[in-house]
């Protein structure tokens, strides 16, 4: 079963590298820097033929020996569809798709358990491209028996393995063989269970200012969702933070909690904060979480009103506007006019008395 799963994994990995024309009769491979000889079908050695590459007569450095085309010191530019024709009838005799590449090198293998104690995964890659289809054969052994290997649905160069037991003292051995038409190369990685345990970073990290506390920040986070059994296999955490104006980090290691109050923040300064996780007993620290930024609480300044902005209100009384069309009535006379009337009254009385005498 393990061999079947591994084979399926390798077929998928190889299917996406290079596609070749369907009208090719066969595929031939050549190594970069070498000489490549292509035979035009089963024609006799004295046959006279001509060659085309992608529909154009061959212009690269080459030589012809009867039905054979010899390309010297080939490079990636020689990759293409070659067709040969018999000169007497100019009919296509054979089409050969030539792929130029290199043999695989020893793959680089890394293994990690981010789902402890359920299982682990191994991934691998080539240091340089081979330029041609390359498959990978993966075998995992533990305590002298082969383990089932399952291909990853999203990463083409990754396979998953379940732990057959927990707290095993027997090492694991992973062998990856890279294979293509020009050669193959293998690499082996041996490790103990405890050395590959590495959780994913904590998730949903938040940092919140605390009201009326200009030097405090409340930081909280969640354990990684990929960690399957936080109760029986608890994590501890490593918090780091610094103000943007400084390069030096401050650190706090925490257990049995997913929150922490920073109490020594610089007032009014923006901080960058990250958290890492680790199994409390074995393994290594995770990568840092996505950085979050926060600034401690800042007291809002009391608004000051400028004297130039004060409005002074004065009470004014307005008189009714007289009508310009209506004449104004005269007031009864008083004062001087009354005195004149009194004077003439006394004069008349005196004249009357003289006449009576």
C-alpha atoms as a PDB file:
ATOM      1  CA  UNK A   1       0.000   0.000   0.000  1.00  0.00           C
ATOM      2  CA  UNK A   2       2.816   2.391   0.847  1.00  0.00           C
ATOM      3  CA  UNK A   3       4.477   1.781  -2.514  1.00  0.00           C
ATOM      4  CA  UNK A   4       1.193   2.379  -4.340  1.00  0.00           C
ATOM      5  CA  UNK A   5       0.560   5.692  -2.610  1.00  0.00           C
ATOM      6  CA  UNK A   6       4.119   6.817  -3.209  1.00  0.00           C
ATOM      7  CA  UNK A   7       3.919   5.947  -6.894  1.00  0.00           C
ATOM      8  CA  UNK A   8       0.726   7.948  -7.306  1.00  0.00           C
ATOM      9  CA  UNK A   9       2.389  10.878  -5.608  1.00  0.00           C
ATOM     10  CA  UNK A  10       5.336  10.731  -7.974  1.00  0.00           C
ATOM     11  CA  UNK A  11       3.164  10.505 -11.110  1.00  0.00           C
ATOM     12  CA  UNK A  12       1.338  13.689 -10.136  1.00  0.00           C
ATOM     13  CA  UNK A  13       4.594  15.484  -9.456  1.00  0.00           C
ATOM     14  CA  UNK A  14       5.989  14.606 -12.874  1.00  0.00           C
ATOM     15  CA  UNK A  15       2.930  15.416 -14.945  1.00  0.00           C
ATOM     16  CA  UNK A  16       3.176  19.189 -14.701  1.00  0.00           C
ATOM     17  CA  UNK A  17       6.766  19.865 -15.744  1.00  0.00           C
ATOM     18  CA  UNK A  18       6.989  19.761 -19.557  1.00  0.00           C
ATOM     19  CA  UNK A  19       4.443  19.096 -22.293  1.00  0.00           C
ATOM     20  CA  UNK A  20       5.521  17.917 -25.736  1.00  0.00           C
ATOM     21  CA  UNK A  21       3.752  17.973 -29.156  1.00  0.00           C
ATOM     22  CA  UNK A  22       1.269  15.191 -29.779  1.00  0.00           C
ATOM     23  CA  UNK A  23       2.471  14.799 -33.347  1.00  0.00           C
ATOM     24  CA  UNK A  24       5.891  13.567 -32.158  1.00  0.00           C
ATOM     25  CA  UNK A  25       6.557   9.899 -32.825  1.00  0.00           C
ATOM     26  CA  UNK A  26       8.908   9.617 -29.886  1.00  0.00           C
ATOM     27  CA  UNK A  27      10.859  11.614 -27.285  1.00  0.00           C
ATOM     28  CA  UNK A  28      14.612  11.786 -27.008  1.00  0.00           C
ATOM     29  CA  UNK A  29      16.632  13.391 -24.221  1.00  0.00           C
ATOM     30  CA  UNK A  30      20.010  15.101 -24.288  1.00  0.00           C
ATOM     31  CA  UNK A  31      22.272  16.406 -21.552  1.00  0.00           C
ATOM     32  CA  UNK A  32      23.373  20.034 -21.632  1.00  0.00           C
ATOM     33  CA  UNK A  33      26.873  20.304 -23.083  1.00  0.00           C
ATOM     34  CA  UNK A  34      26.870  16.852 -24.666  1.00  0.00           C
ATOM     35  CA  UNK A  35      26.542  15.699 -28.292  1.00  0.00           C
ATOM     36  CA  UNK A  36      23.176  14.266 -29.350  1.00  0.00           C
ATOM     37  CA  UNK A  37      22.630  11.848 -32.245  1.00  0.00           C
ATOM     38  CA  UNK A  38      19.142  11.374 -33.676  1.00  0.00           C
ATOM     39  CA  UNK A  39      18.309   8.472 -35.980  1.00  0.00           C
ATOM     40  CA  UNK A  40      15.714   8.940 -38.723  1.00  0.00           C
ATOM     41  CA  UNK A  41      13.582   5.875 -38.180  1.00  0.00           C
ATOM     42  CA  UNK A  42      15.030   2.605 -39.444  1.00  0.00           C
ATOM     43  CA  UNK A  43      16.490   3.937 -42.676  1.00  0.00           C
ATOM     44  CA  UNK A  44      19.656   2.377 -44.027  1.00  0.00           C
ATOM     45  CA  UNK A  45      23.008   3.980 -43.411  1.00  0.00           C
ATOM     46  CA  UNK A  46      23.233   5.140 -47.027  1.00  0.00           C
ATOM     47  CA  UNK A  47      19.858   6.915 -46.944  1.00  0.00           C
ATOM     48  CA  UNK A  48      19.881  10.594 -47.839  1.00  0.00           C
ATOM     49  CA  UNK A  49      17.734  12.691 -45.499  1.00  0.00           C
ATOM     50  CA  UNK A  50      17.143  16.313 -44.509  1.00  0.00           C
ATOM     51  CA  UNK A  51      16.134  17.641 -41.064  1.00  0.00           C
ATOM     52  CA  UNK A  52      13.911  20.446 -39.796  1.00  0.00           C
ATOM     53  CA  UNK A  53      13.529  21.863 -36.299  1.00  0.00           C
ATOM     54  CA  UNK A  54      10.100  23.294 -35.517  1.00  0.00           C
ATOM     55  CA  UNK A  55       9.408  23.523 -39.252  1.00  0.00           C
ATOM     56  CA  UNK A  56      12.705  25.216 -40.235  1.00  0.00           C
ATOM     57  CA  UNK A  57      15.779  23.545 -41.677  1.00  0.00           C
ATOM     58  CA  UNK A  58      18.347  22.901 -38.962  1.00  0.00           C
ATOM     59  CA  UNK A  59      20.749  25.822 -38.617  1.00  0.00           C
ATOM     60  CA  UNK A  60      22.524  24.826 -35.430  1.00  0.00           C
ATOM     61  CA  UNK A  61      26.018  23.339 -35.454  1.00  0.00           C
ATOM     62  CA  UNK A  62      25.514  19.778 -36.641  1.00  0.00           C
ATOM     63  CA  UNK A  63      26.662  17.053 -38.972  1.00  0.00           C
ATOM     64  CA  UNK A  64      24.857  14.445 -41.066  1.00  0.00           C
ATOM     65  CA  UNK A  65      25.840  10.816 -41.316  1.00  0.00           C
ATOM     66  CA  UNK A  66      23.317   9.125 -43.591  1.00  0.00           C
ATOM     67  CA  UNK A  67      19.998   9.011 -41.682  1.00  0.00           C
ATOM     68  CA  UNK A  68      21.568  10.426 -38.505  1.00  0.00           C
ATOM     69  CA  UNK A  69      21.669  14.034 -37.294  1.00  0.00           C
ATOM     70  CA  UNK A  70      24.445  14.850 -34.819  1.00  0.00           C
ATOM     71  CA  UNK A  71      24.089  18.009 -32.697  1.00  0.00           C
ATOM     72  CA  UNK A  72      27.225  19.099 -30.845  1.00  0.00           C
ATOM     73  CA  UNK A  73      27.458  20.789 -27.441  1.00  0.00           C
ATOM     74  CA  UNK A  74      23.690  21.071 -27.067  1.00  0.00           C
ATOM     75  CA  UNK A  75      21.958  23.698 -24.923  1.00  0.00           C
ATOM     76  CA  UNK A  76      18.363  24.406 -23.926  1.00  0.00           C
ATOM     77  CA  UNK A  77      17.903  26.160 -27.269  1.00  0.00           C
ATOM     78  CA  UNK A  78      18.105  22.775 -28.990  1.00  0.00           C
ATOM     79  CA  UNK A  79      14.858  21.635 -27.357  1.00  0.00           C
ATOM     80  CA  UNK A  80      12.159  21.235 -29.996  1.00  0.00           C
ATOM     81  CA  UNK A  81      10.425  19.037 -32.577  1.00  0.00           C
ATOM     82  CA  UNK A  82      12.789  17.551 -35.174  1.00  0.00           C
ATOM     83  CA  UNK A  83      11.440  15.987 -38.355  1.00  0.00           C
ATOM     84  CA  UNK A  84      13.428  14.044 -40.971  1.00  0.00           C
ATOM     85  CA  UNK A  85      12.610  13.709 -44.687  1.00  0.00           C
ATOM     86  CA  UNK A  86      13.919  11.427 -47.394  1.00  0.00           C
ATOM     87  CA  UNK A  87      15.279  13.675 -50.103  1.00  0.00           C
ATOM     88  CA  UNK A  88      13.953  11.711 -53.056  1.00  0.00           C
ATOM     89  CA  UNK A  89      10.270  12.109 -52.066  1.00  0.00           C
ATOM     90  CA  UNK A  90      10.450  14.887 -49.443  1.00  0.00           C
ATOM     91  CA  UNK A  91       7.909  13.023 -47.277  1.00  0.00           C
ATOM     92  CA  UNK A  92       8.179  13.210 -43.531  1.00  0.00           C
ATOM     93  CA  UNK A  93       9.624   9.976 -42.226  1.00  0.00           C
ATOM     94  CA  UNK A  94       9.724  10.552 -38.464  1.00  0.00           C
ATOM     95  CA  UNK A  95       9.157  13.306 -35.854  1.00  0.00           C
ATOM     96  CA  UNK A  96      11.322  13.343 -32.731  1.00  0.00           C
ATOM     97  CA  UNK A  97      10.767  15.657 -29.791  1.00  0.00           C
ATOM     98  CA  UNK A  98      14.186  16.452 -28.294  1.00  0.00           C
ATOM     99  CA  UNK A  99      14.328  17.620 -24.674  1.00  0.00           C
ATOM    100  CA  UNK A 100      17.554  19.009 -23.267  1.00  0.00           C
ATOM    101  CA  UNK A 101      18.216  18.978 -19.511  1.00  0.00           C
ATOM    102  CA  UNK A 102      20.443  17.674 -16.764  1.00  0.00           C
ATOM    103  CA  UNK A 103      20.359  14.657 -14.428  1.00  0.00           C
ATOM    104  CA  UNK A 104      18.885  15.336 -10.970  1.00  0.00           C
ATOM    105  CA  UNK A 105      21.070  16.217  -8.019  1.00  0.00           C
ATOM    106  CA  UNK A 106      20.571  14.889  -4.512  1.00  0.00           C
ATOM    107  CA  UNK A 107      17.323  16.423  -3.242  1.00  0.00           C
ATOM    108  CA  UNK A 108      17.292  18.520  -0.085  1.00  0.00           C
ATOM    109  CA  UNK A 109      14.898  17.031   2.498  1.00  0.00           C
ATOM    110  CA  UNK A 110      13.182  18.720   5.448  1.00  0.00           C
ATOM    111  CA  UNK A 111      10.746  17.045   7.859  1.00  0.00           C
ATOM    112  CA  UNK A 112       8.516  18.671  10.454  1.00  0.00           C
ATOM    113  CA  UNK A 113       5.613  17.864  12.761  1.00  0.00           C
ATOM    114  CA  UNK A 114       3.175  20.762  13.179  1.00  0.00           C
ATOM    115  CA  UNK A 115       0.331  18.380  14.112  1.00  0.00           C
ATOM    116  CA  UNK A 116       2.024  16.485  16.941  1.00  0.00           C
ATOM    117  CA  UNK A 117       1.259  13.787  18.014  1.00  0.00           C
ATOM    118  CA  UNK A 118      -0.739  12.887  14.889  1.00  0.00           C
ATOM    119  CA  UNK A 119       2.016  12.842  12.286  1.00  0.00           C
ATOM    120  CA  UNK A 120       4.620  14.717  10.296  1.00  0.00           C
ATOM    121  CA  UNK A 121       5.374  15.768   6.723  1.00  0.00           C
ATOM    122  CA  UNK A 122       8.512  15.772   4.619  1.00  0.00           C
ATOM    123  CA  UNK A 123       9.217  18.078   1.703  1.00  0.00           C
ATOM    124  CA  UNK A 124      12.087  18.165  -0.755  1.00  0.00           C
ATOM    125  CA  UNK A 125      13.428  20.203  -3.624  1.00  0.00           C
ATOM    126  CA  UNK A 126      16.198  20.299  -6.195  1.00  0.00           C
ATOM    127  CA  UNK A 127      18.899  22.924  -5.872  1.00  0.00           C
ATOM    128  CA  UNK A 128      18.650  23.546  -9.642  1.00  0.00           C
ATOM    129  CA  UNK A 129      16.012  22.828 -12.250  1.00  0.00           C
ATOM    130  CA  UNK A 130      16.564  19.728 -14.390  1.00  0.00           C
ATOM    131  CA  UNK A 131      14.445  21.228 -17.233  1.00  0.00           C
ATOM    132  CA  UNK A 132      12.849  17.833 -17.913  1.00  0.00           C
ATOM    133  CA  UNK A 133      10.267  15.657 -16.187  1.00  0.00           C
ATOM    134  CA  UNK A 134      11.580  14.516 -12.810  1.00  0.00           C
ATOM    135  CA  UNK A 135       9.762  12.191 -10.423  1.00  0.00           C
ATOM    136  CA  UNK A 136      10.440  11.454  -6.771  1.00  0.00           C
ATOM    137  CA  UNK A 137      10.273   8.112  -5.037  1.00  0.00           C
ATOM    138  CA  UNK A 138       9.727   8.472  -1.274  1.00  0.00           C
ATOM    139  CA  UNK A 139      10.225   5.784   1.352  1.00  0.00           C
ATOM    140  CA  UNK A 140       9.869   6.179   5.135  1.00  0.00           C
ATOM    141  CA  UNK A 141      11.022   3.556   7.624  1.00  0.00           C
ATOM    142  CA  UNK A 142      10.651   3.271  11.383  1.00  0.00           C
ATOM    143  CA  UNK A 143      11.775   0.393  13.574  1.00  0.00           C
ATOM    144  CA  UNK A 144      12.653  -1.700  10.496  1.00  0.00           C
ATOM    145  CA  UNK A 145       9.264  -1.368   8.796  1.00  0.00           C
ATOM    146  CA  UNK A 146       7.963   0.839   5.989  1.00  0.00           C
ATOM    147  CA  UNK A 147       5.304   3.434   6.761  1.00  0.00           C
ATOM    148  CA  UNK A 148       2.453   4.590   4.547  1.00  0.00           C
ATOM    149  CA  UNK A 149       3.176   7.782   2.628  1.00  0.00           C
ATOM    150  CA  UNK A 150       0.387  10.064   1.415  1.00  0.00           C
ATOM    151  CA  UNK A 151       0.792  12.833  -1.129  1.00  0.00           C
ATOM    152  CA  UNK A 152      -0.070  16.406  -0.204  1.00  0.00           C
ATOM    153  CA  UNK A 153      -3.070  17.834  -2.034  1.00  0.00           C
ATOM    154  CA  UNK A 154      -1.595  21.327  -2.412  1.00  0.00           C
ATOM    155  CA  UNK A 155       2.215  21.033  -2.306  1.00  0.00           C
ATOM    156  CA  UNK A 156       3.627  18.939  -5.135  1.00  0.00           C
ATOM    157  CA  UNK A 157       6.895  18.103  -3.357  1.00  0.00           C
ATOM    158  CA  UNK A 158       5.426  17.077  -0.013  1.00  0.00           C
ATOM    159  CA  UNK A 159       4.136  13.841   1.539  1.00  0.00           C
ATOM    160  CA  UNK A 160       2.542  13.082   4.922  1.00  0.00           C
ATOM    161  CA  UNK A 161       3.213  10.240   7.381  1.00  0.00           C
ATOM    162  CA  UNK A 162       1.342   9.315  10.572  1.00  0.00           C
ATOM    163  CA  UNK A 163       3.281   8.544  13.733  1.00  0.00           C
ATOM    164  CA  UNK A 164       2.963   4.796  14.379  1.00  0.00           C
ATOM    165  CA  UNK A 165       3.514   5.469  18.074  1.00  0.00           C
ATOM    166  CA  UNK A 166       4.233   8.390  20.416  1.00  0.00           C
ATOM    167  CA  UNK A 167       7.404   8.903  22.478  1.00  0.00           C
ATOM    168  CA  UNK A 168       9.263   6.371  20.340  1.00  0.00           C
ATOM    169  CA  UNK A 169      12.988   6.002  20.897  1.00  0.00           C
ATOM    170  CA  UNK A 170      13.528   4.533  17.418  1.00  0.00           C
ATOM    171  CA  UNK A 171      14.681   6.975  14.719  1.00  0.00           C
ATOM    172  CA  UNK A 172      12.840   7.636  11.481  1.00  0.00           C
ATOM    173  CA  UNK A 173      14.563   7.266   8.128  1.00  0.00           C
ATOM    174  CA  UNK A 174      13.327   9.094   5.028  1.00  0.00           C
ATOM    175  CA  UNK A 175      14.778   8.351   1.592  1.00  0.00           C
ATOM    176  CA  UNK A 176      13.919  10.470  -1.444  1.00  0.00           C
ATOM    177  CA  UNK A 177      15.138   9.477  -4.918  1.00  0.00           C
ATOM    178  CA  UNK A 178      14.891  11.942  -7.807  1.00  0.00           C
ATOM    179  CA  UNK A 179      14.573  10.228 -11.193  1.00  0.00           C
ATOM    180  CA  UNK A 180      14.515  11.499 -14.770  1.00  0.00           C
ATOM    181  CA  UNK A 181      15.529  10.249 -18.206  1.00  0.00           C
ATOM    182  CA  UNK A 182      19.132  11.368 -17.735  1.00  0.00           C
ATOM    183  CA  UNK A 183      19.812   9.821 -14.327  1.00  0.00           C
ATOM    184  CA  UNK A 184      18.796   9.649 -10.676  1.00  0.00           C
ATOM    185  CA  UNK A 185      20.074  10.751  -7.281  1.00  0.00           C
ATOM    186  CA  UNK A 186      19.049   9.895  -3.720  1.00  0.00           C
ATOM    187  CA  UNK A 187      19.228  11.552  -0.327  1.00  0.00           C
ATOM    188  CA  UNK A 188      18.452  10.212   3.135  1.00  0.00           C
ATOM    189  CA  UNK A 189      17.408  12.027   6.297  1.00  0.00           C
ATOM    190  CA  UNK A 190      17.375  10.362   9.712  1.00  0.00           C
ATOM    191  CA  UNK A 191      15.795  11.989  12.765  1.00  0.00           C
ATOM    192  CA  UNK A 192      14.173  11.327  16.110  1.00  0.00           C
ATOM    193  CA  UNK A 193      10.565  12.209  16.783  1.00  0.00           C
ATOM    194  CA  UNK A 194      11.301  14.942  19.304  1.00  0.00           C
ATOM    195  CA  UNK A 195      13.600  16.904  16.994  1.00  0.00           C
ATOM    196  CA  UNK A 196      11.036  17.697  14.285  1.00  0.00           C
ATOM    197  CA  UNK A 197       8.168  18.964  16.477  1.00  0.00           C
ATOM    198  CA  UNK A 198       7.555  22.588  15.529  1.00  0.00           C
ATOM    199  CA  UNK A 199       4.101  24.193  15.852  1.00  0.00           C
ATOM    200  CA  UNK A 200       2.699  26.728  13.449  1.00  0.00           C
ATOM    201  CA  UNK A 201       2.748  30.354  14.703  1.00  0.00           C
ATOM    202  CA  UNK A 202      -0.015  31.571  17.050  1.00  0.00           C
ATOM    203  CA  UNK A 203      -3.038  33.038  15.303  1.00  0.00           C
ATOM    204  CA  UNK A 204      -5.286  36.090  15.642  1.00  0.00           C
ATOM    205  CA  UNK A 205      -2.817  38.156  17.648  1.00  0.00           C
ATOM    206  CA  UNK A 206      -4.308  41.428  18.890  1.00  0.00           C
ATOM    207  CA  UNK A 207      -2.909  44.332  20.904  1.00  0.00           C
ATOM    208  CA  UNK A 208      -5.257  46.800  22.579  1.00  0.00           C
ATOM    209  CA  UNK A 209      -4.511  49.998  24.554  1.00  0.00           C
ATOM    210  CA  UNK A 210      -5.811  50.055  28.149  1.00  0.00           C
ATOM    211  CA  UNK A 211      -7.887  53.132  28.992  1.00  0.00           C
ATOM    212  CA  UNK A 212      -6.245  55.592  31.380  1.00  0.00           C
ATOM    213  CA  UNK A 213      -2.974  53.575  31.270  1.00  0.00           C
ATOM    214  CA  UNK A 214      -0.511  55.348  28.943  1.00  0.00           C
ATOM    215  CA  UNK A 215       2.201  52.671  29.398  1.00  0.00           C
ATOM    216  CA  UNK A 216       0.151  49.489  29.005  1.00  0.00           C
ATOM    217  CA  UNK A 217      -0.952  47.273  26.105  1.00  0.00           C
ATOM    218  CA  UNK A 218      -3.140  44.183  26.382  1.00  0.00           C
ATOM    219  CA  UNK A 219      -1.920  41.428  24.016  1.00  0.00           C
ATOM    220  CA  UNK A 220      -3.936  38.257  23.276  1.00  0.00           C
ATOM    221  CA  UNK A 221      -3.673  35.391  20.763  1.00  0.00           C
ATOM    222  CA  UNK A 222      -4.966  31.912  19.909  1.00  0.00           C
ATOM    223  CA  UNK A 223      -3.046  28.652  19.683  1.00  0.00           C
ATOM    224  CA  UNK A 224      -2.493  27.446  16.079  1.00  0.00           C
ATOM    225  CA  UNK A 225      -5.504  25.650  14.646  1.00  0.00           C
ATOM    226  CA  UNK A 226      -3.245  22.881  13.300  1.00  0.00           C
ATOM    227  CA  UNK A 227      -2.195  21.846  16.821  1.00  0.00           C
ATOM    228  CA  UNK A 228      -4.662  18.991  17.477  1.00  0.00           C
ATOM    229  CA  UNK A 229      -4.576  18.390  21.244  1.00  0.00           C
ATOM    230  CA  UNK A 230      -3.797  21.536  23.218  1.00  0.00           C
ATOM    231  CA  UNK A 231      -5.058  19.993  26.482  1.00  0.00           C
ATOM    232  CA  UNK A 232      -2.758  16.961  26.557  1.00  0.00           C
ATOM    233  CA  UNK A 233       0.098  18.573  24.644  1.00  0.00           C
ATOM    234  CA  UNK A 234       0.081  22.200  25.858  1.00  0.00           C
ATOM    235  CA  UNK A 235       2.112  24.974  24.289  1.00  0.00           C
ATOM    236  CA  UNK A 236       4.176  27.721  25.810  1.00  0.00           C
ATOM    237  CA  UNK A 237       4.626  31.102  24.168  1.00  0.00           C
ATOM    238  CA  UNK A 238       7.326  33.649  23.556  1.00  0.00           C
ATOM    239  CA  UNK A 239       6.240  37.279  23.221  1.00  0.00           C
ATOM    240  CA  UNK A 240       8.450  39.964  21.759  1.00  0.00           C
ATOM    241  CA  UNK A 241       7.710  43.678  21.377  1.00  0.00           C
ATOM    242  CA  UNK A 242       9.501  46.940  20.687  1.00  0.00           C
ATOM    243  CA  UNK A 243       8.668  50.526  19.790  1.00  0.00           C
ATOM    244  CA  UNK A 244       9.218  51.413  16.162  1.00  0.00           C
ATOM    245  CA  UNK A 245      11.794  53.992  17.202  1.00  0.00           C
ATOM    246  CA  UNK A 246      14.108  51.256  18.576  1.00  0.00           C
ATOM    247  CA  UNK A 247      15.697  48.117  17.121  1.00  0.00           C
ATOM    248  CA  UNK A 248      16.067  46.141  20.354  1.00  0.00           C
ATOM    249  CA  UNK A 249      13.275  43.677  21.251  1.00  0.00           C
ATOM    250  CA  UNK A 250      11.946  42.955  24.713  1.00  0.00           C
ATOM    251  CA  UNK A 251      10.923  39.349  25.437  1.00  0.00           C
ATOM    252  CA  UNK A 252       8.549  37.522  27.757  1.00  0.00           C
ATOM    253  CA  UNK A 253       8.159  33.714  27.985  1.00  0.00           C
ATOM    254  CA  UNK A 254       4.693  32.573  29.074  1.00  0.00           C
ATOM    255  CA  UNK A 255       2.991  29.300  29.981  1.00  0.00           C
ATOM    256  CA  UNK A 256      -0.667  28.347  30.475  1.00  0.00           C
ATOM    257  CA  UNK A 257      -1.959  31.612  29.066  1.00  0.00           C
ATOM    258  CA  UNK A 258      -2.783  33.224  25.747  1.00  0.00           C
ATOM    259  CA  UNK A 259      -2.655  36.839  26.905  1.00  0.00           C
ATOM    260  CA  UNK A 260      -0.247  39.281  28.510  1.00  0.00           C
ATOM    261  CA  UNK A 261      -0.262  42.908  29.645  1.00  0.00           C
ATOM    262  CA  UNK A 262       2.745  44.959  28.609  1.00  0.00           C
ATOM    263  CA  UNK A 263       3.383  47.416  31.455  1.00  0.00           C
ATOM    264  CA  UNK A 264       6.575  49.179  30.384  1.00  0.00           C
ATOM    265  CA  UNK A 265       5.602  50.661  27.038  1.00  0.00           C
ATOM    266  CA  UNK A 266       6.719  54.135  26.098  1.00  0.00           C
ATOM    267  CA  UNK A 267       3.801  56.529  26.302  1.00  0.00           C
ATOM    268  CA  UNK A 268       2.518  57.632  22.917  1.00  0.00           C
ATOM    269  CA  UNK A 269       4.901  55.389  20.908  1.00  0.00           C
ATOM    270  CA  UNK A 270       3.736  52.853  18.324  1.00  0.00           C
ATOM    271  CA  UNK A 271       4.737  49.249  19.080  1.00  0.00           C
ATOM    272  CA  UNK A 272       5.268  46.153  16.921  1.00  0.00           C
ATOM    273  CA  UNK A 273       4.337  42.840  18.595  1.00  0.00           C
ATOM    274  CA  UNK A 274       4.818  39.146  17.647  1.00  0.00           C
ATOM    275  CA  UNK A 275       4.313  35.768  19.352  1.00  0.00           C
ATOM    276  CA  UNK A 276       5.899  32.304  18.854  1.00  0.00           C
ATOM    277  CA  UNK A 277       4.812  28.895  20.208  1.00  0.00           C
ATOM    278  CA  UNK A 278       6.523  25.676  21.313  1.00  0.00           C
ATOM    279  CA  UNK A 279       5.562  22.360  22.852  1.00  0.00           C
ATOM    280  CA  UNK A 280       6.301  22.548  26.568  1.00  0.00           C
ATOM    281  CA  UNK A 281       8.539  19.472  26.505  1.00  0.00           C
ATOM    282  CA  UNK A 282      10.088  18.809  23.073  1.00  0.00           C
ATOM    283  CA  UNK A 283      10.796  20.374  19.709  1.00  0.00           C
ATOM    284  CA  UNK A 284      11.658  23.887  18.624  1.00  0.00           C
ATOM    285  CA  UNK A 285       9.974  27.277  18.573  1.00  0.00           C
ATOM    286  CA  UNK A 286       7.572  28.119  15.775  1.00  0.00           C
ATOM    287  CA  UNK A 287       8.124  30.953  13.366  1.00  0.00           C
ATOM    288  CA  UNK A 288       6.947  34.373  14.543  1.00  0.00           C
ATOM    289  CA  UNK A 289       3.315  35.287  14.124  1.00  0.00           C
ATOM    290  CA  UNK A 290       2.169  38.024  11.790  1.00  0.00           C
ATOM    291  CA  UNK A 291       3.241  41.339  13.324  1.00  0.00           C
ATOM    292  CA  UNK A 292       0.601  43.617  14.847  1.00  0.00           C
ATOM    293  CA  UNK A 293       0.964  47.310  15.638  1.00  0.00           C
ATOM    294  CA  UNK A 294      -0.533  49.211  18.566  1.00  0.00           C
ATOM    295  CA  UNK A 295      -0.067  52.465  20.506  1.00  0.00           C
ATOM    296  CA  UNK A 296      -0.763  52.829  24.258  1.00  0.00           C
ATOM    297  CA  UNK A 297      -3.701  54.949  25.393  1.00  0.00           C
ATOM    298  CA  UNK A 298      -3.226  58.674  24.888  1.00  0.00           C
ATOM    299  CA  UNK A 299      -5.208  61.188  26.951  1.00  0.00           C
ATOM    300  CA  UNK A 300      -7.242  63.462  24.762  1.00  0.00           C
ATOM    301  CA  UNK A 301      -6.241  67.115  25.316  1.00  0.00           C
ATOM    302  CA  UNK A 302      -8.851  69.488  26.809  1.00  0.00           C
ATOM    303  CA  UNK A 303      -9.856  72.009  24.141  1.00  0.00           C
ATOM    304  CA  UNK A 304      -8.723  75.619  24.906  1.00  0.00           C
ATOM    305  CA  UNK A 305     -10.919  78.469  23.613  1.00  0.00           C
ATOM    306  CA  UNK A 306      -9.020  81.514  22.353  1.00  0.00           C
ATOM    307  CA  UNK A 307     -10.149  84.991  23.489  1.00  0.00           C
ATOM    308  CA  UNK A 308     -10.236  86.064  19.889  1.00  0.00           C
ATOM    309  CA  UNK A 309     -12.993  83.569  19.336  1.00  0.00           C
ATOM    310  CA  UNK A 310     -15.291  84.935  22.139  1.00  0.00           C
ATOM    311  CA  UNK A 311     -18.344  86.792  20.844  1.00  0.00           C
ATOM    312  CA  UNK A 312     -19.486  89.881  22.807  1.00  0.00           C
ATOM    313  CA  UNK A 313     -23.229  90.601  22.611  1.00  0.00           C
ATOM    314  CA  UNK A 314     -24.504  94.204  23.273  1.00  0.00           C
ATOM    315  CA  UNK A 315     -28.152  95.133  23.621  1.00  0.00           C
ATOM    316  CA  UNK A 316     -29.294  97.978  21.348  1.00  0.00           C
ATOM    317  CA  UNK A 317     -32.655  99.669  21.066  1.00  0.00           C
ATOM    318  CA  UNK A 318     -33.990 100.920  17.809  1.00  0.00           C
ATOM    319  CA  UNK A 319     -36.485 103.744  17.324  1.00  0.00           C
ATOM    320  CA  UNK A 320     -39.353 103.293  14.933  1.00  0.00           C
ATOM    321  CA  UNK A 321     -38.749 104.883  11.605  1.00  0.00           C
ATOM    322  CA  UNK A 322     -41.043 107.885  11.020  1.00  0.00           C
ATOM    323  CA  UNK A 323     -43.241 107.779   7.998  1.00  0.00           C
ATOM    324  CA  UNK A 324     -41.972 110.326   5.509  1.00  0.00           C
ATOM    325  CA  UNK A 325     -45.404 110.839   3.891  1.00  0.00           C
ATOM    326  CA  UNK A 326     -47.514 111.632   7.013  1.00  0.00           C
ATOM    327  CA  UNK A 327     -47.124 115.136   8.498  1.00  0.00           C
ATOM    328  CA  UNK A 328     -46.258 115.456  12.157  1.00  0.00           C
ATOM    329  CA  UNK A 329     -48.973 117.054  14.462  1.00  0.00           C
ATOM    330  CA  UNK A 330     -47.924 120.095  16.515  1.00  0.00           C
ATOM    331  CA  UNK A 331     -47.939 119.801  20.301  1.00  0.00           C
ATOM    332  CA  UNK A 332     -49.960 122.193  22.473  1.00  0.00           C
ATOM    333  CA  UNK A 333     -47.950 125.321  23.362  1.00  0.00           C
ATOM    334  CA  UNK A 334     -46.450 125.468  26.792  1.00  0.00           C
ATOM    335  CA  UNK A 335     -43.950 127.681  28.599  1.00  0.00           C
ATOM    336  CA  UNK A 336     -43.421 131.094  26.816  1.00  0.00           C
ATOM    337  CA  UNK A 337     -46.807 131.263  25.088  1.00  0.00           C
ATOM    338  CA  UNK A 338     -48.691 130.935  28.409  1.00  0.00           C
ATOM    339  CA  UNK A 339     -46.701 133.837  29.928  1.00  0.00           C
ATOM    340  CA  UNK A 340     -47.740 136.196  27.084  1.00  0.00           C
ATOM    341  CA  UNK A 341     -51.435 135.444  27.618  1.00  0.00           C
ATOM    342  CA  UNK A 342     -51.165 136.140  31.358  1.00  0.00           C
ATOM    343  CA  UNK A 343     -49.450 139.530  30.694  1.00  0.00           C
ATOM    344  CA  UNK A 344     -52.243 140.853  28.408  1.00  0.00           C
ATOM    345  CA  UNK A 345     -54.920 139.728  30.855  1.00  0.00           C
ATOM    346  CA  UNK A 346     -53.424 141.969  33.606  1.00  0.00           C
ATOM    347  CA  UNK A 347     -53.134 144.989  31.222  1.00  0.00           C
ATOM    348  CA  UNK A 348     -56.808 144.867  30.264  1.00  0.00           C
ATOM    349  CA  UNK A 349     -57.814 144.672  33.943  1.00  0.00           C
ATOM    350  CA  UNK A 350     -55.821 147.838  34.793  1.00  0.00           C
ATOM    351  CA  UNK A 351     -57.375 149.888  31.948  1.00  0.00           C
ATOM    352  CA  UNK A 352     -60.854 148.899  33.081  1.00  0.00           C
ATOM    353  CA  UNK A 353     -60.228 150.212  36.628  1.00  0.00           C
ATOM    354  CA  UNK A 354     -59.022 153.663  35.306  1.00  0.00           C
ATOM    355  CA  UNK A 355     -62.201 154.136  33.358  1.00  0.00           C
ATOM    356  CA  UNK A 356     -64.388 153.494  36.361  1.00  0.00           C
ATOM    357  CA  UNK A 357     -62.623 156.188  38.366  1.00  0.00           C
END
